N, C-alpha and C. Protein backbone atom coordinates (compact mmCIF):
# COMPACT_ATOMS: atom_id res chain seq x y z
N UNK A 1 0.84 -1.16 0.00
CA UNK A 1 0.00 0.00 0.00
C UNK A 1 0.89 1.22 0.00
N UNK A 2 0.51 2.25 -0.71
CA UNK A 2 1.33 3.46 -0.81
C UNK A 2 1.08 4.35 0.40
N UNK A 3 1.97 5.35 0.56
CA UNK A 3 1.83 6.29 1.67
C UNK A 3 0.54 7.09 1.57
N UNK A 4 0.14 7.44 0.36
CA UNK A 4 -1.10 8.21 0.19
C UNK A 4 -2.32 7.35 0.54
N UNK A 5 -2.27 6.05 0.26
CA UNK A 5 -3.38 5.16 0.58
C UNK A 5 -3.49 4.99 2.10
N UNK A 6 -2.31 4.92 2.76
CA UNK A 6 -2.34 4.80 4.21
C UNK A 6 -2.92 6.05 4.86
N UNK A 7 -2.59 7.20 4.35
CA UNK A 7 -3.07 8.45 4.92
C UNK A 7 -4.57 8.60 4.75
N UNK A 8 -5.14 8.10 3.62
CA UNK A 8 -6.56 8.25 3.39
C UNK A 8 -7.36 7.09 3.98
N UNK A 9 -6.69 6.08 4.47
CA UNK A 9 -7.38 4.94 5.06
C UNK A 9 -8.09 5.37 6.34
N UNK A 10 -9.32 4.91 6.58
CA UNK A 10 -10.03 5.28 7.79
C UNK A 10 -9.35 4.74 9.05
N UNK A 11 -8.60 3.69 8.93
CA UNK A 11 -7.93 3.12 10.09
C UNK A 11 -6.65 3.87 10.42
N UNK A 12 -6.08 4.56 9.47
CA UNK A 12 -4.89 5.35 9.72
C UNK A 12 -3.61 4.65 9.34
N UNK A 13 -3.57 3.32 9.41
CA UNK A 13 -2.36 2.58 9.03
C UNK A 13 -2.75 1.37 8.22
N UNK A 14 -1.79 0.82 7.54
CA UNK A 14 -2.04 -0.36 6.72
C UNK A 14 -2.23 -1.60 7.58
N UNK A 15 -1.73 -1.58 8.81
CA UNK A 15 -1.82 -2.78 9.65
C UNK A 15 -3.21 -2.95 10.27
N UNK A 16 -4.08 -1.96 10.16
CA UNK A 16 -5.44 -2.08 10.68
C UNK A 16 -5.58 -1.66 12.12
N UNK A 17 -4.63 -0.96 12.72
CA UNK A 17 -4.76 -0.52 14.10
C UNK A 17 -5.79 0.59 14.18
N UNK A 18 -6.34 0.80 15.35
CA UNK A 18 -7.38 1.80 15.53
C UNK A 18 -6.78 3.19 15.63
N UNK A 19 -7.65 4.17 15.43
CA UNK A 19 -7.22 5.55 15.54
C UNK A 19 -6.88 5.85 17.01
N UNK A 20 -5.99 6.78 17.24
CA UNK A 20 -5.58 7.07 18.62
C UNK A 20 -6.72 7.57 19.50
N UNK A 21 -7.74 8.23 18.94
CA UNK A 21 -8.82 8.75 19.77
C UNK A 21 -9.90 7.72 20.09
N UNK A 22 -9.85 6.52 19.52
CA UNK A 22 -10.82 5.46 19.83
C UNK A 22 -10.38 4.72 21.08
N UNK A 23 -11.31 4.38 21.97
CA UNK A 23 -10.93 3.62 23.16
C UNK A 23 -10.58 2.18 22.78
N UNK A 24 -9.66 1.57 23.47
CA UNK A 24 -9.32 0.19 23.17
C UNK A 24 -10.50 -0.73 23.50
N UNK A 25 -10.57 -1.87 22.83
CA UNK A 25 -11.67 -2.82 23.03
C UNK A 25 -11.60 -3.43 24.42
N UNK A 26 -10.42 -3.66 24.93
CA UNK A 26 -10.24 -4.23 26.26
C UNK A 26 -9.48 -3.22 27.09
N UNK A 27 -9.99 -2.97 28.27
CA UNK A 27 -9.34 -1.99 29.14
C UNK A 27 -7.99 -2.53 29.61
N UNK A 28 -7.00 -1.68 29.51
CA UNK A 28 -5.67 -2.09 29.95
C UNK A 28 -5.30 -1.44 31.27
N UNK A 29 -6.26 -0.76 31.89
CA UNK A 29 -5.99 -0.10 33.16
C UNK A 29 -5.89 -1.14 34.26
N UNK A 30 -4.85 -1.08 35.03
CA UNK A 30 -4.67 -2.02 36.14
C UNK A 30 -5.22 -1.41 37.41
N UNK A 31 -5.88 -2.23 38.18
CA UNK A 31 -6.33 -1.78 39.49
C UNK A 31 -5.33 -2.27 40.52
N UNK A 32 -5.32 -1.64 41.65
CA UNK A 32 -4.34 -2.01 42.67
C UNK A 32 -4.72 -3.28 43.41
N UNK A 33 -5.96 -3.74 43.32
CA UNK A 33 -6.37 -4.94 44.04
C UNK A 33 -7.59 -5.56 43.39
N UNK A 34 -8.17 -6.52 44.08
CA UNK A 34 -9.35 -7.18 43.52
C UNK A 34 -10.54 -6.22 43.52
N UNK A 35 -11.53 -6.55 42.73
CA UNK A 35 -12.73 -5.72 42.64
C UNK A 35 -13.40 -5.68 44.01
N UNK A 36 -13.83 -4.51 44.40
CA UNK A 36 -14.44 -4.33 45.71
C UNK A 36 -15.95 -4.41 45.56
N UNK A 37 -16.57 -5.31 46.33
CA UNK A 37 -18.02 -5.40 46.36
C UNK A 37 -18.50 -4.97 47.74
N UNK A 38 -19.63 -4.30 47.76
CA UNK A 38 -20.18 -3.82 49.03
C UNK A 38 -20.82 -4.97 49.79
N UNK A 39 -20.66 -4.97 51.10
CA UNK A 39 -21.29 -5.96 51.95
C UNK A 39 -22.78 -5.64 52.03
N UNK A 40 -23.66 -6.61 51.78
CA UNK A 40 -25.11 -6.33 51.75
C UNK A 40 -25.69 -6.25 53.16
N UNK A 41 -25.33 -5.24 53.91
CA UNK A 41 -25.75 -5.10 55.30
C UNK A 41 -27.27 -4.98 55.42
N UNK A 42 -27.89 -4.19 54.57
CA UNK A 42 -29.35 -4.01 54.65
C UNK A 42 -30.07 -5.34 54.43
N UNK A 43 -29.65 -6.09 53.44
CA UNK A 43 -30.27 -7.39 53.18
C UNK A 43 -30.04 -8.34 54.35
N UNK A 44 -28.87 -8.29 54.94
CA UNK A 44 -28.58 -9.15 56.09
C UNK A 44 -29.46 -8.80 57.28
N UNK A 45 -29.67 -7.51 57.52
CA UNK A 45 -30.53 -7.08 58.62
C UNK A 45 -31.97 -7.52 58.38
N UNK A 46 -32.45 -7.37 57.16
CA UNK A 46 -33.82 -7.79 56.83
C UNK A 46 -33.98 -9.30 57.04
N UNK A 47 -33.02 -10.07 56.57
CA UNK A 47 -33.10 -11.53 56.74
C UNK A 47 -33.01 -11.92 58.21
N UNK A 48 -32.18 -11.24 58.99
CA UNK A 48 -32.07 -11.54 60.42
C UNK A 48 -33.39 -11.22 61.14
N UNK A 49 -34.00 -10.09 60.80
CA UNK A 49 -35.28 -9.73 61.40
C UNK A 49 -36.38 -10.71 61.00
N UNK A 50 -36.37 -11.14 59.75
CA UNK A 50 -37.35 -12.13 59.29
C UNK A 50 -37.19 -13.44 60.04
N UNK A 51 -35.96 -13.88 60.21
CA UNK A 51 -35.71 -15.11 60.96
C UNK A 51 -36.17 -14.96 62.41
N UNK A 52 -35.88 -13.81 63.01
CA UNK A 52 -36.31 -13.56 64.39
C UNK A 52 -37.82 -13.63 64.50
N UNK A 53 -38.53 -12.97 63.58
CA UNK A 53 -39.99 -12.96 63.62
C UNK A 53 -40.54 -14.37 63.46
N UNK A 54 -39.96 -15.14 62.53
CA UNK A 54 -40.42 -16.51 62.33
C UNK A 54 -40.22 -17.39 63.56
N UNK A 55 -39.07 -17.27 64.19
CA UNK A 55 -38.79 -18.09 65.37
C UNK A 55 -39.67 -17.67 66.54
N UNK A 56 -39.84 -16.36 66.72
CA UNK A 56 -40.69 -15.88 67.81
C UNK A 56 -42.13 -16.34 67.60
N UNK A 57 -42.61 -16.26 66.36
CA UNK A 57 -43.97 -16.69 66.05
C UNK A 57 -44.18 -18.16 66.40
N UNK A 58 -43.15 -18.97 66.19
CA UNK A 58 -43.29 -20.41 66.44
C UNK A 58 -43.06 -20.79 67.89
N UNK A 59 -42.22 -20.06 68.62
CA UNK A 59 -41.85 -20.51 69.97
C UNK A 59 -42.52 -19.74 71.10
N UNK A 60 -42.85 -18.48 70.91
CA UNK A 60 -43.40 -17.70 72.00
C UNK A 60 -44.72 -18.24 72.54
N UNK A 61 -45.63 -18.71 71.71
CA UNK A 61 -46.90 -19.21 72.26
C UNK A 61 -46.73 -20.35 73.28
N UNK A 62 -45.70 -21.15 73.12
CA UNK A 62 -45.49 -22.24 74.09
C UNK A 62 -45.18 -21.68 75.47
N UNK A 63 -44.51 -20.56 75.54
CA UNK A 63 -44.20 -19.94 76.82
C UNK A 63 -45.35 -19.12 77.39
N UNK A 64 -46.32 -18.83 76.56
CA UNK A 64 -47.44 -17.99 76.99
C UNK A 64 -48.75 -18.77 77.11
N UNK A 65 -48.67 -20.08 77.24
CA UNK A 65 -49.90 -20.89 77.27
C UNK A 65 -50.89 -20.45 78.36
N UNK A 66 -50.43 -20.22 79.59
CA UNK A 66 -51.42 -19.80 80.60
C UNK A 66 -52.12 -18.48 80.24
N UNK A 67 -51.39 -17.53 79.70
CA UNK A 67 -52.00 -16.25 79.33
C UNK A 67 -52.94 -16.42 78.14
N UNK A 68 -52.55 -17.26 77.18
CA UNK A 68 -53.42 -17.52 76.02
C UNK A 68 -54.69 -18.20 76.49
N UNK A 69 -54.56 -19.20 77.35
CA UNK A 69 -55.73 -19.93 77.86
C UNK A 69 -56.67 -18.98 78.62
N UNK A 70 -56.11 -18.12 79.44
CA UNK A 70 -56.92 -17.17 80.20
C UNK A 70 -57.60 -16.18 79.25
N UNK A 71 -56.88 -15.70 78.24
CA UNK A 71 -57.46 -14.74 77.29
C UNK A 71 -58.57 -15.33 76.45
N UNK A 72 -58.46 -16.61 76.12
CA UNK A 72 -59.49 -17.28 75.31
C UNK A 72 -60.53 -17.98 76.18
N UNK A 73 -60.35 -17.94 77.50
CA UNK A 73 -61.24 -18.58 78.46
C UNK A 73 -61.38 -20.08 78.21
N UNK A 74 -60.23 -20.74 78.02
CA UNK A 74 -60.18 -22.19 77.84
C UNK A 74 -59.12 -22.76 78.77
N UNK A 75 -59.03 -24.10 78.81
CA UNK A 75 -58.02 -24.75 79.64
C UNK A 75 -56.64 -24.60 79.01
N UNK A 76 -55.61 -24.86 79.83
CA UNK A 76 -54.24 -24.81 79.31
C UNK A 76 -54.05 -25.85 78.20
N UNK A 77 -54.69 -27.01 78.36
CA UNK A 77 -54.59 -28.06 77.35
C UNK A 77 -55.19 -27.63 76.00
N UNK A 78 -56.30 -26.93 76.05
CA UNK A 78 -56.93 -26.46 74.81
C UNK A 78 -56.05 -25.40 74.14
N UNK A 79 -55.45 -24.54 74.95
CA UNK A 79 -54.52 -23.55 74.38
C UNK A 79 -53.30 -24.25 73.80
N UNK A 80 -52.85 -25.32 74.44
CA UNK A 80 -51.75 -26.12 73.89
C UNK A 80 -52.13 -26.75 72.57
N UNK A 81 -53.40 -27.14 72.44
CA UNK A 81 -53.88 -27.69 71.18
C UNK A 81 -53.82 -26.66 70.06
N UNK A 82 -54.07 -25.41 70.40
CA UNK A 82 -53.97 -24.33 69.42
C UNK A 82 -52.53 -24.21 68.91
N UNK A 83 -51.57 -24.26 69.84
CA UNK A 83 -50.16 -24.19 69.46
C UNK A 83 -49.78 -25.41 68.62
N UNK A 84 -50.27 -26.58 69.01
CA UNK A 84 -49.98 -27.81 68.25
C UNK A 84 -50.60 -27.75 66.86
N UNK A 85 -51.80 -27.20 66.75
CA UNK A 85 -52.44 -27.09 65.44
C UNK A 85 -51.62 -26.18 64.52
N UNK A 86 -51.09 -25.11 65.08
CA UNK A 86 -50.24 -24.22 64.28
C UNK A 86 -48.99 -24.97 63.81
N UNK A 87 -48.39 -25.75 64.71
CA UNK A 87 -47.18 -26.49 64.36
C UNK A 87 -47.46 -27.52 63.26
N UNK A 88 -48.58 -28.23 63.38
CA UNK A 88 -48.94 -29.22 62.36
C UNK A 88 -49.18 -28.52 61.02
N UNK A 89 -49.87 -27.39 61.05
CA UNK A 89 -50.09 -26.63 59.81
C UNK A 89 -48.80 -26.16 59.19
N UNK A 90 -47.85 -25.74 60.02
CA UNK A 90 -46.56 -25.29 59.49
C UNK A 90 -45.80 -26.45 58.86
N UNK A 91 -45.85 -27.62 59.48
CA UNK A 91 -45.15 -28.79 58.93
C UNK A 91 -45.79 -29.21 57.61
N UNK A 92 -47.12 -29.27 57.59
CA UNK A 92 -47.80 -29.70 56.36
C UNK A 92 -47.70 -28.66 55.24
N UNK A 93 -47.58 -27.41 55.59
CA UNK A 93 -47.53 -26.36 54.57
C UNK A 93 -46.13 -26.03 54.09
N UNK A 94 -45.10 -26.46 54.79
CA UNK A 94 -43.74 -26.04 54.45
C UNK A 94 -43.29 -26.55 53.09
N UNK A 95 -43.44 -27.83 52.85
CA UNK A 95 -42.94 -28.41 51.59
C UNK A 95 -43.72 -27.88 50.39
N UNK A 96 -45.07 -27.87 50.43
CA UNK A 96 -45.77 -27.28 49.28
C UNK A 96 -45.44 -25.80 49.07
N UNK A 97 -45.25 -25.06 50.15
CA UNK A 97 -44.92 -23.64 50.01
C UNK A 97 -43.57 -23.47 49.32
N UNK A 98 -42.60 -24.29 49.68
CA UNK A 98 -41.28 -24.21 49.04
C UNK A 98 -41.38 -24.60 47.57
N UNK A 99 -42.12 -25.66 47.29
CA UNK A 99 -42.26 -26.12 45.90
C UNK A 99 -42.95 -25.07 45.03
N UNK A 100 -43.98 -24.43 45.57
CA UNK A 100 -44.73 -23.46 44.78
C UNK A 100 -44.01 -22.13 44.63
N UNK A 101 -43.07 -21.85 45.51
CA UNK A 101 -42.39 -20.55 45.44
C UNK A 101 -40.99 -20.63 44.86
N UNK A 102 -40.61 -21.76 44.31
CA UNK A 102 -39.24 -21.89 43.77
C UNK A 102 -38.95 -20.91 42.67
N UNK A 103 -39.87 -20.64 41.81
CA UNK A 103 -39.62 -19.74 40.68
C UNK A 103 -39.95 -18.29 40.96
N UNK A 104 -40.42 -17.99 42.15
CA UNK A 104 -40.83 -16.63 42.48
C UNK A 104 -39.63 -15.73 42.74
N UNK A 105 -39.81 -14.45 42.50
CA UNK A 105 -38.78 -13.48 42.84
C UNK A 105 -38.72 -13.38 44.36
N UNK A 106 -37.54 -13.36 44.91
CA UNK A 106 -37.35 -13.49 46.36
C UNK A 106 -37.79 -12.27 47.16
N UNK A 107 -37.54 -11.09 46.66
CA UNK A 107 -37.88 -9.89 47.44
C UNK A 107 -39.39 -9.76 47.64
N UNK A 108 -40.22 -9.86 46.58
CA UNK A 108 -41.67 -9.80 46.79
C UNK A 108 -42.18 -10.97 47.63
N UNK A 109 -41.54 -12.13 47.49
CA UNK A 109 -41.95 -13.29 48.29
C UNK A 109 -41.68 -13.04 49.77
N UNK A 110 -40.54 -12.47 50.08
CA UNK A 110 -40.22 -12.14 51.47
C UNK A 110 -41.19 -11.11 52.03
N UNK A 111 -41.49 -10.09 51.24
CA UNK A 111 -42.44 -9.07 51.68
C UNK A 111 -43.83 -9.66 51.91
N UNK A 112 -44.27 -10.53 51.02
CA UNK A 112 -45.58 -11.17 51.18
C UNK A 112 -45.59 -12.07 52.42
N UNK A 113 -44.51 -12.78 52.65
CA UNK A 113 -44.43 -13.63 53.85
C UNK A 113 -44.47 -12.82 55.13
N UNK A 114 -43.75 -11.71 55.16
CA UNK A 114 -43.78 -10.86 56.35
C UNK A 114 -45.16 -10.24 56.57
N UNK A 115 -45.79 -9.84 55.49
CA UNK A 115 -47.14 -9.30 55.60
C UNK A 115 -48.10 -10.38 56.09
N UNK A 116 -47.93 -11.60 55.60
CA UNK A 116 -48.75 -12.72 56.07
C UNK A 116 -48.56 -12.98 57.56
N UNK A 117 -47.31 -12.95 58.02
CA UNK A 117 -47.04 -13.09 59.46
C UNK A 117 -47.76 -12.00 60.24
N UNK A 118 -47.64 -10.77 59.79
CA UNK A 118 -48.24 -9.64 60.48
C UNK A 118 -49.75 -9.80 60.59
N UNK A 119 -50.39 -10.10 59.47
CA UNK A 119 -51.85 -10.21 59.45
C UNK A 119 -52.34 -11.40 60.27
N UNK A 120 -51.71 -12.56 60.08
CA UNK A 120 -52.15 -13.76 60.79
C UNK A 120 -51.92 -13.64 62.30
N UNK A 121 -50.77 -13.12 62.69
CA UNK A 121 -50.50 -12.97 64.12
C UNK A 121 -51.42 -11.95 64.77
N UNK A 122 -51.68 -10.85 64.07
CA UNK A 122 -52.58 -9.83 64.61
C UNK A 122 -54.00 -10.37 64.73
N UNK A 123 -54.47 -11.05 63.70
CA UNK A 123 -55.83 -11.61 63.74
C UNK A 123 -55.95 -12.69 64.82
N UNK A 124 -54.93 -13.52 64.98
CA UNK A 124 -54.98 -14.55 66.01
C UNK A 124 -54.96 -13.92 67.40
N UNK A 125 -54.15 -12.88 67.58
CA UNK A 125 -54.09 -12.21 68.89
C UNK A 125 -55.41 -11.55 69.24
N UNK A 126 -56.14 -11.07 68.24
CA UNK A 126 -57.41 -10.40 68.49
C UNK A 126 -58.61 -11.34 68.45
N UNK A 127 -58.38 -12.63 68.25
CA UNK A 127 -59.48 -13.60 68.14
C UNK A 127 -60.25 -13.65 69.45
N UNK A 128 -61.58 -13.61 69.37
CA UNK A 128 -62.38 -13.61 70.60
C UNK A 128 -62.54 -14.99 71.25
N UNK A 129 -62.32 -16.05 70.48
CA UNK A 129 -62.53 -17.40 71.03
C UNK A 129 -61.54 -18.37 70.38
N UNK A 130 -61.42 -19.53 70.99
CA UNK A 130 -60.48 -20.56 70.51
C UNK A 130 -60.82 -20.99 69.08
N UNK A 131 -62.08 -21.21 68.79
CA UNK A 131 -62.47 -21.64 67.45
C UNK A 131 -62.09 -20.59 66.40
N UNK A 132 -62.29 -19.35 66.71
CA UNK A 132 -61.92 -18.27 65.78
C UNK A 132 -60.41 -18.27 65.56
N UNK A 133 -59.64 -18.46 66.61
CA UNK A 133 -58.18 -18.50 66.48
C UNK A 133 -57.74 -19.68 65.62
N UNK A 134 -58.37 -20.84 65.82
CA UNK A 134 -58.04 -22.02 65.00
C UNK A 134 -58.38 -21.77 63.54
N UNK A 135 -59.52 -21.16 63.27
CA UNK A 135 -59.90 -20.88 61.89
C UNK A 135 -58.94 -19.89 61.24
N UNK A 136 -58.52 -18.90 61.99
CA UNK A 136 -57.56 -17.92 61.45
C UNK A 136 -56.24 -18.61 61.12
N UNK A 137 -55.78 -19.45 62.03
CA UNK A 137 -54.51 -20.17 61.79
C UNK A 137 -54.63 -21.09 60.58
N UNK A 138 -55.72 -21.81 60.47
CA UNK A 138 -55.91 -22.71 59.32
C UNK A 138 -55.95 -21.90 58.02
N UNK A 139 -56.65 -20.80 58.04
CA UNK A 139 -56.76 -19.96 56.84
C UNK A 139 -55.40 -19.38 56.45
N UNK A 140 -54.62 -18.97 57.44
CA UNK A 140 -53.30 -18.39 57.11
C UNK A 140 -52.36 -19.46 56.58
N UNK A 141 -52.45 -20.68 57.09
CA UNK A 141 -51.59 -21.76 56.58
C UNK A 141 -51.99 -22.12 55.15
N UNK A 142 -53.28 -22.16 54.87
CA UNK A 142 -53.72 -22.47 53.50
C UNK A 142 -53.30 -21.38 52.54
N UNK A 143 -53.37 -20.12 52.95
CA UNK A 143 -52.97 -19.01 52.10
C UNK A 143 -51.48 -19.09 51.80
N UNK A 144 -50.69 -19.45 52.81
CA UNK A 144 -49.24 -19.55 52.60
C UNK A 144 -48.92 -20.68 51.62
N UNK A 145 -49.66 -21.76 51.68
CA UNK A 145 -49.39 -22.88 50.77
C UNK A 145 -49.77 -22.53 49.34
N UNK A 146 -50.80 -21.72 49.16
CA UNK A 146 -51.26 -21.36 47.82
C UNK A 146 -50.36 -20.34 47.15
N UNK A 147 -49.79 -19.41 47.91
CA UNK A 147 -49.02 -18.32 47.29
C UNK A 147 -47.64 -18.74 46.88
């Protein structure tokens, strides 16, 4: 190729190198260390709080049986049956809930689960009688399995 052809070439040289003002295809800038990623502190706090709420929801009623029985005007054994019914519902609903939520986006699923805890626990706490509390618990377990 002649000198005049090289000068008029859009690449600038006969070897095909890029023009000096074009950025290189691969960055050649070296960093001083490995790529820095931020620690997901907010997500960790949300997950820790969710775990705390779940564990408290499952274990606190066992320690409050006399107060629950007195509030519902039933025997301690009947209040224990309420706690046992919740445990059975959680066991029976856990596997279907996991299977049905495998493809779901995690953030909305977590928010829906926390909202479900809030609503079910509030409704159960405000239940006027044992039968109403059992119905609320059954309904909340069925809702969790469906979603």
